[in-house]
């Protein structure tokens, strides 16, 4: 009988497939655009930037909370949160802030289901 994957492994797998989906969902000919500086690049060279930090599970895999960002904006300029908020609009930014403060617990089964959901979404992009 195969060993059950650890929670850490499941979360990492979900983060990976979710990131691929985010970076590819609006790409044209595999080119995506950073939402904060408009830099265009191949989706593999860009990142999935979170408006509200990944530490908040309530918004970690919320498609409204995560957009394409270049490494400069996401890492070196700490996500350009002000520009990200302008991109989202005040109402959506406020909604995500409120949601991020809620306690959200996912079971391993729920996380595995999300992995399948995002695998399907990525497959449908092709």
C-alpha atoms as a PDB file:
ATOM      1  CA  UNK A   1       0.000   0.000   0.000  1.00  0.00           C
ATOM      2  CA  UNK A   2       1.472   3.401  -0.997  1.00  0.00           C
ATOM      3  CA  UNK A   3       2.458   5.777   1.770  1.00  0.00           C
ATOM      4  CA  UNK A   4       0.031   8.641   2.377  1.00  0.00           C
ATOM      5  CA  UNK A   5       1.603  11.983   1.318  1.00  0.00           C
ATOM      6  CA  UNK A   6       2.399  14.428   4.113  1.00  0.00           C
ATOM      7  CA  UNK A   7       0.382  17.616   4.497  1.00  0.00           C
ATOM      8  CA  UNK A   8       3.483  19.614   3.551  1.00  0.00           C
ATOM      9  CA  UNK A   9       3.760  17.631   0.304  1.00  0.00           C
ATOM     10  CA  UNK A  10       0.068  18.136  -0.491  1.00  0.00           C
ATOM     11  CA  UNK A  11       0.257  21.917   0.139  1.00  0.00           C
ATOM     12  CA  UNK A  12       3.394  22.211  -2.019  1.00  0.00           C
ATOM     13  CA  UNK A  13       1.730  20.295  -4.853  1.00  0.00           C
ATOM     14  CA  UNK A  14      -1.358  22.533  -4.661  1.00  0.00           C
ATOM     15  CA  UNK A  15       0.801  25.678  -4.569  1.00  0.00           C
ATOM     16  CA  UNK A  16       2.630  24.487  -7.701  1.00  0.00           C
ATOM     17  CA  UNK A  17      -0.432  23.679  -9.832  1.00  0.00           C
ATOM     18  CA  UNK A  18      -2.275  26.795  -8.602  1.00  0.00           C
ATOM     19  CA  UNK A  19       0.729  28.960  -9.543  1.00  0.00           C
ATOM     20  CA  UNK A  20       0.851  27.436 -13.028  1.00  0.00           C
ATOM     21  CA  UNK A  21      -2.851  28.156 -13.484  1.00  0.00           C
ATOM     22  CA  UNK A  22      -2.567  31.766 -12.284  1.00  0.00           C
ATOM     23  CA  UNK A  23       0.426  32.519 -14.510  1.00  0.00           C
ATOM     24  CA  UNK A  24      -1.168  30.930 -17.588  1.00  0.00           C
ATOM     25  CA  UNK A  25      -4.863  31.840 -17.263  1.00  0.00           C
ATOM     26  CA  UNK A  26      -4.626  35.163 -19.155  1.00  0.00           C
ATOM     27  CA  UNK A  27      -1.475  34.457 -21.164  1.00  0.00           C
ATOM     28  CA  UNK A  28      -1.502  34.996 -24.902  1.00  0.00           C
ATOM     29  CA  UNK A  29       0.910  32.806 -26.857  1.00  0.00           C
ATOM     30  CA  UNK A  30       2.413  31.862 -23.463  1.00  0.00           C
ATOM     31  CA  UNK A  31       3.183  35.528 -22.680  1.00  0.00           C
ATOM     32  CA  UNK A  32       1.762  36.956 -19.445  1.00  0.00           C
ATOM     33  CA  UNK A  33       1.816  40.477 -18.028  1.00  0.00           C
ATOM     34  CA  UNK A  34       2.720  41.644 -14.521  1.00  0.00           C
ATOM     35  CA  UNK A  35      -0.346  43.365 -13.035  1.00  0.00           C
ATOM     36  CA  UNK A  36       1.721  45.970 -11.184  1.00  0.00           C
ATOM     37  CA  UNK A  37       4.339  47.096 -13.740  1.00  0.00           C
ATOM     38  CA  UNK A  38       2.982  45.658 -17.035  1.00  0.00           C
ATOM     39  CA  UNK A  39       6.211  43.767 -17.790  1.00  0.00           C
ATOM     40  CA  UNK A  40       5.545  41.056 -20.357  1.00  0.00           C
ATOM     41  CA  UNK A  41       7.394  37.752 -20.315  1.00  0.00           C
ATOM     42  CA  UNK A  42       6.906  34.024 -20.786  1.00  0.00           C
ATOM     43  CA  UNK A  43       4.623  32.761 -18.015  1.00  0.00           C
ATOM     44  CA  UNK A  44       7.394  30.478 -16.703  1.00  0.00           C
ATOM     45  CA  UNK A  45       9.560  33.532 -15.945  1.00  0.00           C
ATOM     46  CA  UNK A  46       6.839  35.249 -13.914  1.00  0.00           C
ATOM     47  CA  UNK A  47       5.361  34.533 -10.496  1.00  0.00           C
ATOM     48  CA  UNK A  48       1.986  34.146  -8.828  1.00  0.00           C
ATOM     49  CA  UNK A  49       1.896  37.193  -6.549  1.00  0.00           C
ATOM     50  CA  UNK A  50      -0.451  37.265  -3.576  1.00  0.00           C
ATOM     51  CA  UNK A  51      -2.187  40.489  -2.530  1.00  0.00           C
ATOM     52  CA  UNK A  52      -2.784  39.096   0.963  1.00  0.00           C
ATOM     53  CA  UNK A  53       0.115  36.918   2.091  1.00  0.00           C
ATOM     54  CA  UNK A  54       0.171  33.168   1.474  1.00  0.00           C
ATOM     55  CA  UNK A  55       0.294  32.668   5.240  1.00  0.00           C
ATOM     56  CA  UNK A  56      -3.460  33.346   5.286  1.00  0.00           C
ATOM     57  CA  UNK A  57      -5.023  30.063   4.188  1.00  0.00           C
ATOM     58  CA  UNK A  58      -8.421  31.748   3.694  1.00  0.00           C
ATOM     59  CA  UNK A  59      -7.019  33.622   0.673  1.00  0.00           C
ATOM     60  CA  UNK A  60      -3.951  31.535  -0.247  1.00  0.00           C
ATOM     61  CA  UNK A  61      -5.731  29.782  -3.127  1.00  0.00           C
ATOM     62  CA  UNK A  62      -8.322  32.495  -3.825  1.00  0.00           C
ATOM     63  CA  UNK A  63      -8.093  33.357  -7.528  1.00  0.00           C
ATOM     64  CA  UNK A  64      -9.059  36.984  -6.796  1.00  0.00           C
ATOM     65  CA  UNK A  65      -6.120  37.319  -4.384  1.00  0.00           C
ATOM     66  CA  UNK A  66      -3.418  36.049  -6.738  1.00  0.00           C
ATOM     67  CA  UNK A  67      -2.233  37.579  -9.997  1.00  0.00           C
ATOM     68  CA  UNK A  68       0.790  37.441 -12.278  1.00  0.00           C
ATOM     69  CA  UNK A  69       3.741  39.480 -11.056  1.00  0.00           C
ATOM     70  CA  UNK A  70       7.351  39.761 -12.147  1.00  0.00           C
ATOM     71  CA  UNK A  71      10.076  38.895  -9.656  1.00  0.00           C
ATOM     72  CA  UNK A  72      10.956  42.572  -9.281  1.00  0.00           C
ATOM     73  CA  UNK A  73       7.485  43.531  -8.114  1.00  0.00           C
ATOM     74  CA  UNK A  74       6.690  40.370  -6.160  1.00  0.00           C
ATOM     75  CA  UNK A  75       9.996  39.835  -4.354  1.00  0.00           C
ATOM     76  CA  UNK A  76      12.179  42.932  -4.470  1.00  0.00           C
ATOM     77  CA  UNK A  77       9.319  45.421  -4.099  1.00  0.00           C
ATOM     78  CA  UNK A  78       7.353  43.249  -1.625  1.00  0.00           C
ATOM     79  CA  UNK A  79       4.416  42.628  -3.938  1.00  0.00           C
ATOM     80  CA  UNK A  80       3.835  46.313  -4.750  1.00  0.00           C
ATOM     81  CA  UNK A  81       0.792  46.075  -2.484  1.00  0.00           C
ATOM     82  CA  UNK A  82      -0.417  49.617  -3.183  1.00  0.00           C
ATOM     83  CA  UNK A  83      -0.349  49.089  -6.962  1.00  0.00           C
ATOM     84  CA  UNK A  84      -1.854  45.625  -6.512  1.00  0.00           C
ATOM     85  CA  UNK A  85      -4.713  47.166  -4.494  1.00  0.00           C
ATOM     86  CA  UNK A  86      -5.276  49.781  -7.220  1.00  0.00           C
ATOM     87  CA  UNK A  87      -5.408  46.964  -9.782  1.00  0.00           C
ATOM     88  CA  UNK A  88      -7.972  45.065  -7.682  1.00  0.00           C
ATOM     89  CA  UNK A  89     -10.088  48.081  -6.813  1.00  0.00           C
ATOM     90  CA  UNK A  90     -10.894  49.308  -3.329  1.00  0.00           C
ATOM     91  CA  UNK A  91     -13.931  47.064  -2.782  1.00  0.00           C
ATOM     92  CA  UNK A  92     -12.144  43.847  -3.823  1.00  0.00           C
ATOM     93  CA  UNK A  93      -9.018  44.785  -1.805  1.00  0.00           C
ATOM     94  CA  UNK A  94     -11.159  45.406   1.293  1.00  0.00           C
ATOM     95  CA  UNK A  95     -13.029  42.143   0.741  1.00  0.00           C
ATOM     96  CA  UNK A  96      -9.759  40.187   0.492  1.00  0.00           C
ATOM     97  CA  UNK A  97      -8.360  41.892   3.590  1.00  0.00           C
ATOM     98  CA  UNK A  98     -11.462  40.891   5.559  1.00  0.00           C
ATOM     99  CA  UNK A  99     -11.424  37.349   4.167  1.00  0.00           C
ATOM    100  CA  UNK A 100      -7.709  36.906   4.955  1.00  0.00           C
ATOM    101  CA  UNK A 101      -8.431  37.540   8.637  1.00  0.00           C
ATOM    102  CA  UNK A 102     -10.886  34.642   8.828  1.00  0.00           C
ATOM    103  CA  UNK A 103      -9.667  31.292  10.081  1.00  0.00           C
ATOM    104  CA  UNK A 104      -9.811  28.713   7.302  1.00  0.00           C
ATOM    105  CA  UNK A 105      -8.818  25.116   7.850  1.00  0.00           C
ATOM    106  CA  UNK A 106      -8.554  22.697   4.962  1.00  0.00           C
ATOM    107  CA  UNK A 107      -8.542  18.947   5.385  1.00  0.00           C
ATOM    108  CA  UNK A 108      -6.037  16.920   3.375  1.00  0.00           C
ATOM    109  CA  UNK A 109      -8.958  15.613   1.311  1.00  0.00           C
ATOM    110  CA  UNK A 110     -10.085  19.174   0.479  1.00  0.00           C
ATOM    111  CA  UNK A 111      -6.548  20.104  -0.572  1.00  0.00           C
ATOM    112  CA  UNK A 112      -6.311  17.010  -2.769  1.00  0.00           C
ATOM    113  CA  UNK A 113      -9.634  17.971  -4.369  1.00  0.00           C
ATOM    114  CA  UNK A 114      -8.306  21.478  -5.072  1.00  0.00           C
ATOM    115  CA  UNK A 115      -5.256  19.925  -6.755  1.00  0.00           C
ATOM    116  CA  UNK A 116      -7.584  18.039  -9.113  1.00  0.00           C
ATOM    117  CA  UNK A 117      -9.653  21.185  -9.762  1.00  0.00           C
ATOM    118  CA  UNK A 118      -6.554  23.156 -10.792  1.00  0.00           C
ATOM    119  CA  UNK A 119      -5.110  20.285 -12.827  1.00  0.00           C
ATOM    120  CA  UNK A 120      -8.369  20.297 -14.807  1.00  0.00           C
ATOM    121  CA  UNK A 121      -8.269  24.082 -15.192  1.00  0.00           C
ATOM    122  CA  UNK A 122      -4.683  23.957 -16.466  1.00  0.00           C
ATOM    123  CA  UNK A 123      -5.574  21.145 -18.881  1.00  0.00           C
ATOM    124  CA  UNK A 124      -8.484  23.233 -20.198  1.00  0.00           C
ATOM    125  CA  UNK A 125      -6.140  26.146 -20.946  1.00  0.00           C
ATOM    126  CA  UNK A 126      -4.212  24.077 -23.484  1.00  0.00           C
END
